[in-house]
Amino acid sequence: MAGAGEPYRHLPYFYSDLFELGYEAVGELEASLTTHADWEKPFEKGVVYYLRQDRVCGVLLWNVWDKIPKARELISASQPFQPDSVRQVLGL
């Protein structure tokens, strides 16, 4: 970014608190992508994975905290999405 011969690969994230609920999101999250939801408590605590060509390209952490670095790892991985393996990566 400042003259080095390396690509800039940092994925920024967005977060917000909504009363007693909150979320963190990283990567590409758009309605046209395939999603897979993994709820611990439906619509109160869980993770939504956004998929393109069977790979994770975005992660929404709903009331799940301190997992952004792991979510970035999932997005940069080249393996196809498998629900059991992504839970292990996130440590859920």
N, C-alpha and C. Protein backbone atom coordinates (compact mmCIF):
# COMPACT_ATOMS: atom_id res chain seq x y z
N MET A 1 0.83 -1.18 0.00
CA MET A 1 0.00 0.00 0.00
C MET A 1 0.88 1.25 0.00
N ALA A 2 2.02 1.16 0.63
CA ALA A 2 2.89 2.33 0.69
C ALA A 2 4.19 2.06 -0.06
N GLY A 3 4.09 1.33 -1.17
CA GLY A 3 5.27 1.08 -1.98
C GLY A 3 5.83 -0.32 -1.88
N ALA A 4 5.38 -1.11 -0.90
CA ALA A 4 5.87 -2.48 -0.78
C ALA A 4 5.30 -3.32 -1.93
N GLY A 5 5.99 -4.36 -2.29
CA GLY A 5 5.55 -5.22 -3.38
C GLY A 5 4.57 -6.29 -2.95
N GLU A 6 3.80 -6.05 -1.88
CA GLU A 6 2.85 -7.03 -1.37
C GLU A 6 1.43 -6.51 -1.52
N PRO A 7 0.47 -7.38 -1.85
CA PRO A 7 -0.92 -6.93 -1.93
C PRO A 7 -1.49 -6.63 -0.55
N TYR A 8 -2.40 -5.71 -0.50
CA TYR A 8 -3.10 -5.37 0.75
C TYR A 8 -4.28 -6.31 0.90
N ARG A 9 -4.27 -7.15 1.94
CA ARG A 9 -5.29 -8.19 2.10
C ARG A 9 -6.12 -8.08 3.37
N HIS A 10 -5.97 -7.02 4.11
CA HIS A 10 -6.72 -6.88 5.36
C HIS A 10 -8.21 -6.74 5.06
N LEU A 11 -9.04 -7.52 5.77
CA LEU A 11 -10.49 -7.42 5.63
C LEU A 11 -11.05 -6.60 6.79
N PRO A 12 -11.57 -5.42 6.55
CA PRO A 12 -12.16 -4.65 7.64
C PRO A 12 -13.47 -5.29 8.10
N TYR A 13 -13.90 -4.90 9.29
CA TYR A 13 -15.17 -5.43 9.77
C TYR A 13 -16.06 -4.30 10.25
N PHE A 14 -17.31 -4.62 10.40
CA PHE A 14 -18.32 -3.68 10.85
C PHE A 14 -19.00 -4.28 12.06
N TYR A 15 -19.39 -3.44 12.99
CA TYR A 15 -20.11 -3.94 14.17
C TYR A 15 -21.14 -2.92 14.62
N SER A 16 -22.09 -3.39 15.39
CA SER A 16 -23.10 -2.51 15.96
C SER A 16 -23.78 -3.20 17.13
N ASP A 17 -24.32 -2.41 18.01
CA ASP A 17 -25.12 -2.91 19.12
C ASP A 17 -26.54 -2.40 18.93
N LEU A 18 -27.51 -3.28 19.12
CA LEU A 18 -28.92 -2.94 18.99
C LEU A 18 -29.61 -3.34 20.29
N PHE A 19 -29.66 -2.41 21.23
CA PHE A 19 -30.20 -2.68 22.56
C PHE A 19 -29.43 -3.84 23.18
N GLU A 20 -30.09 -4.98 23.48
CA GLU A 20 -29.37 -6.09 24.11
C GLU A 20 -28.70 -7.02 23.08
N LEU A 21 -28.88 -6.73 21.80
CA LEU A 21 -28.28 -7.55 20.75
C LEU A 21 -27.13 -6.80 20.09
N GLY A 22 -26.22 -7.55 19.49
CA GLY A 22 -25.12 -6.92 18.78
C GLY A 22 -24.57 -7.87 17.73
N TYR A 23 -23.82 -7.31 16.80
CA TYR A 23 -23.24 -8.15 15.76
C TYR A 23 -21.92 -7.59 15.29
N GLU A 24 -21.13 -8.49 14.68
CA GLU A 24 -19.89 -8.15 13.99
C GLU A 24 -19.95 -8.84 12.64
N ALA A 25 -19.53 -8.15 11.60
CA ALA A 25 -19.59 -8.70 10.25
C ALA A 25 -18.27 -8.44 9.55
N VAL A 26 -17.80 -9.42 8.79
CA VAL A 26 -16.56 -9.29 8.04
C VAL A 26 -16.74 -9.96 6.68
N GLY A 27 -16.12 -9.37 5.66
CA GLY A 27 -16.20 -9.93 4.32
C GLY A 27 -17.40 -9.41 3.56
N GLU A 28 -17.84 -10.19 2.60
CA GLU A 28 -18.91 -9.82 1.70
C GLU A 28 -20.24 -10.38 2.20
N LEU A 29 -21.17 -9.51 2.52
CA LEU A 29 -22.49 -9.92 2.99
C LEU A 29 -23.52 -9.24 2.11
N GLU A 30 -24.11 -10.00 1.21
CA GLU A 30 -25.14 -9.42 0.36
C GLU A 30 -26.22 -10.46 0.11
N ALA A 31 -27.43 -9.98 -0.13
CA ALA A 31 -28.60 -10.83 -0.25
C ALA A 31 -28.53 -11.82 -1.40
N SER A 32 -27.76 -11.55 -2.43
CA SER A 32 -27.71 -12.45 -3.59
C SER A 32 -26.84 -13.68 -3.34
N LEU A 33 -26.07 -13.70 -2.26
CA LEU A 33 -25.19 -14.83 -1.96
C LEU A 33 -25.97 -15.94 -1.25
N THR A 34 -25.50 -17.16 -1.39
CA THR A 34 -26.05 -18.29 -0.65
C THR A 34 -25.65 -18.15 0.81
N THR A 35 -26.56 -18.45 1.73
CA THR A 35 -26.25 -18.35 3.16
C THR A 35 -26.47 -19.68 3.85
N HIS A 36 -25.75 -19.84 4.94
CA HIS A 36 -25.94 -20.98 5.83
C HIS A 36 -25.93 -20.42 7.26
N ALA A 37 -27.03 -20.61 7.98
CA ALA A 37 -27.14 -20.11 9.35
C ALA A 37 -26.88 -21.23 10.34
N ASP A 38 -26.13 -20.91 11.38
CA ASP A 38 -25.80 -21.86 12.44
C ASP A 38 -26.17 -21.18 13.76
N TRP A 39 -27.39 -21.42 14.22
CA TRP A 39 -27.90 -20.73 15.42
C TRP A 39 -27.71 -21.59 16.66
N GLU A 40 -27.15 -20.99 17.70
CA GLU A 40 -27.12 -21.63 19.02
C GLU A 40 -28.49 -21.43 19.67
N LYS A 41 -29.02 -20.20 19.53
CA LYS A 41 -30.37 -19.84 19.97
C LYS A 41 -30.98 -19.06 18.82
N PRO A 42 -31.99 -19.61 18.14
CA PRO A 42 -32.50 -19.00 16.90
C PRO A 42 -32.75 -17.49 16.99
N PHE A 43 -32.10 -16.79 16.09
CA PHE A 43 -32.21 -15.35 15.90
C PHE A 43 -31.74 -14.52 17.10
N GLU A 44 -31.07 -15.17 18.07
CA GLU A 44 -30.51 -14.44 19.21
C GLU A 44 -29.00 -14.63 19.33
N LYS A 45 -28.49 -15.80 18.96
CA LYS A 45 -27.05 -16.04 19.04
C LYS A 45 -26.68 -17.08 17.99
N GLY A 46 -25.78 -16.68 17.08
CA GLY A 46 -25.37 -17.62 16.05
C GLY A 46 -24.49 -16.96 15.00
N VAL A 47 -24.21 -17.72 13.95
CA VAL A 47 -23.34 -17.28 12.87
C VAL A 47 -24.04 -17.53 11.54
N VAL A 48 -23.96 -16.54 10.65
CA VAL A 48 -24.46 -16.71 9.29
C VAL A 48 -23.26 -16.61 8.36
N TYR A 49 -23.09 -17.65 7.53
CA TYR A 49 -21.99 -17.71 6.57
C TYR A 49 -22.53 -17.33 5.20
N TYR A 50 -21.83 -16.48 4.50
CA TYR A 50 -22.19 -16.08 3.14
C TYR A 50 -21.24 -16.80 2.18
N LEU A 51 -21.82 -17.50 1.20
CA LEU A 51 -21.04 -18.38 0.34
C LEU A 51 -21.08 -17.94 -1.12
N ARG A 52 -19.95 -18.07 -1.78
CA ARG A 52 -19.84 -17.89 -3.23
C ARG A 52 -19.06 -19.08 -3.76
N GLN A 53 -19.66 -19.78 -4.70
CA GLN A 53 -19.05 -20.98 -5.28
C GLN A 53 -18.59 -21.94 -4.19
N ASP A 54 -19.45 -22.15 -3.21
CA ASP A 54 -19.23 -23.09 -2.11
C ASP A 54 -18.04 -22.74 -1.21
N ARG A 55 -17.66 -21.46 -1.17
CA ARG A 55 -16.60 -21.00 -0.27
C ARG A 55 -17.13 -19.84 0.57
N VAL A 56 -16.67 -19.73 1.79
CA VAL A 56 -17.09 -18.62 2.67
C VAL A 56 -16.46 -17.32 2.16
N CYS A 57 -17.31 -16.32 1.91
CA CYS A 57 -16.80 -15.00 1.51
C CYS A 57 -17.24 -13.91 2.48
N GLY A 58 -18.09 -14.27 3.46
CA GLY A 58 -18.51 -13.31 4.47
C GLY A 58 -19.05 -14.03 5.69
N VAL A 59 -18.93 -13.39 6.85
CA VAL A 59 -19.40 -14.00 8.11
C VAL A 59 -20.09 -12.93 8.94
N LEU A 60 -21.30 -13.24 9.40
CA LEU A 60 -22.04 -12.38 10.32
C LEU A 60 -22.11 -13.09 11.66
N LEU A 61 -21.53 -12.48 12.67
CA LEU A 61 -21.51 -13.03 14.03
C LEU A 61 -22.57 -12.29 14.84
N TRP A 62 -23.67 -12.96 15.14
CA TRP A 62 -24.79 -12.36 15.84
C TRP A 62 -24.73 -12.75 17.30
N ASN A 63 -24.36 -11.80 18.16
CA ASN A 63 -24.15 -12.03 19.60
C ASN A 63 -23.08 -13.09 19.85
N VAL A 64 -22.13 -13.21 18.96
CA VAL A 64 -20.95 -14.06 19.11
C VAL A 64 -19.76 -13.11 19.03
N TRP A 65 -18.94 -13.09 20.07
CA TRP A 65 -17.90 -12.06 20.17
C TRP A 65 -16.50 -12.63 20.07
N ASP A 66 -15.57 -11.77 19.67
CA ASP A 66 -14.14 -12.07 19.63
C ASP A 66 -13.77 -13.18 18.65
N LYS A 67 -14.48 -13.29 17.56
CA LYS A 67 -14.21 -14.33 16.55
C LYS A 67 -13.83 -13.74 15.20
N ILE A 68 -13.65 -12.43 15.09
CA ILE A 68 -13.32 -11.80 13.81
C ILE A 68 -12.01 -12.37 13.22
N PRO A 69 -10.94 -12.53 13.99
CA PRO A 69 -9.72 -13.11 13.39
C PRO A 69 -9.96 -14.50 12.79
N LYS A 70 -10.74 -15.32 13.46
CA LYS A 70 -11.05 -16.66 12.96
C LYS A 70 -11.95 -16.58 11.74
N ALA A 71 -12.88 -15.64 11.72
CA ALA A 71 -13.75 -15.46 10.55
C ALA A 71 -12.92 -15.04 9.34
N ARG A 72 -11.94 -14.18 9.55
CA ARG A 72 -11.04 -13.80 8.45
C ARG A 72 -10.28 -15.01 7.91
N GLU A 73 -9.87 -15.92 8.80
CA GLU A 73 -9.19 -17.15 8.37
C GLU A 73 -10.10 -17.98 7.47
N LEU A 74 -11.37 -18.10 7.86
CA LEU A 74 -12.33 -18.86 7.05
C LEU A 74 -12.46 -18.27 5.66
N ILE A 75 -12.54 -16.95 5.58
CA ILE A 75 -12.71 -16.28 4.30
C ILE A 75 -11.49 -16.47 3.42
N SER A 76 -10.31 -16.46 3.99
CA SER A 76 -9.09 -16.60 3.18
C SER A 76 -8.75 -18.05 2.84
N ALA A 77 -9.43 -19.01 3.48
CA ALA A 77 -9.16 -20.43 3.20
C ALA A 77 -9.68 -20.81 1.82
N SER A 78 -9.05 -21.77 1.22
CA SER A 78 -9.44 -22.17 -0.13
C SER A 78 -10.32 -23.42 -0.17
N GLN A 79 -10.60 -24.01 0.98
CA GLN A 79 -11.40 -25.24 0.99
C GLN A 79 -12.90 -24.93 0.89
N PRO A 80 -13.68 -25.90 0.38
CA PRO A 80 -15.13 -25.71 0.28
C PRO A 80 -15.77 -25.65 1.66
N PHE A 81 -16.91 -25.01 1.72
CA PHE A 81 -17.66 -24.86 2.97
C PHE A 81 -18.17 -26.21 3.46
N GLN A 82 -17.90 -26.51 4.74
CA GLN A 82 -18.45 -27.69 5.41
C GLN A 82 -18.83 -27.24 6.81
N PRO A 83 -20.12 -27.30 7.16
CA PRO A 83 -20.59 -26.76 8.45
C PRO A 83 -19.79 -27.22 9.66
N ASP A 84 -19.45 -28.50 9.75
CA ASP A 84 -18.71 -28.99 10.91
C ASP A 84 -17.31 -28.39 11.01
N SER A 85 -16.62 -28.26 9.88
CA SER A 85 -15.26 -27.74 9.93
C SER A 85 -15.23 -26.25 10.25
N VAL A 86 -16.20 -25.47 9.78
CA VAL A 86 -16.18 -24.03 10.09
C VAL A 86 -16.49 -23.79 11.56
N ARG A 87 -17.31 -24.62 12.15
CA ARG A 87 -17.57 -24.48 13.59
C ARG A 87 -16.28 -24.70 14.38
N GLN A 88 -15.46 -25.64 13.94
CA GLN A 88 -14.19 -25.90 14.62
C GLN A 88 -13.24 -24.73 14.47
N VAL A 89 -13.16 -24.15 13.28
CA VAL A 89 -12.28 -23.01 13.05
C VAL A 89 -12.69 -21.85 13.95
N LEU A 90 -14.00 -21.58 14.06
CA LEU A 90 -14.47 -20.49 14.90
C LEU A 90 -14.42 -20.83 16.39
N GLY A 91 -14.25 -22.11 16.71
CA GLY A 91 -14.20 -22.50 18.12
C GLY A 91 -15.56 -22.48 18.79
N LEU A 92 -16.59 -22.86 18.05
CA LEU A 92 -17.95 -22.85 18.59
C LEU A 92 -18.36 -24.23 19.06
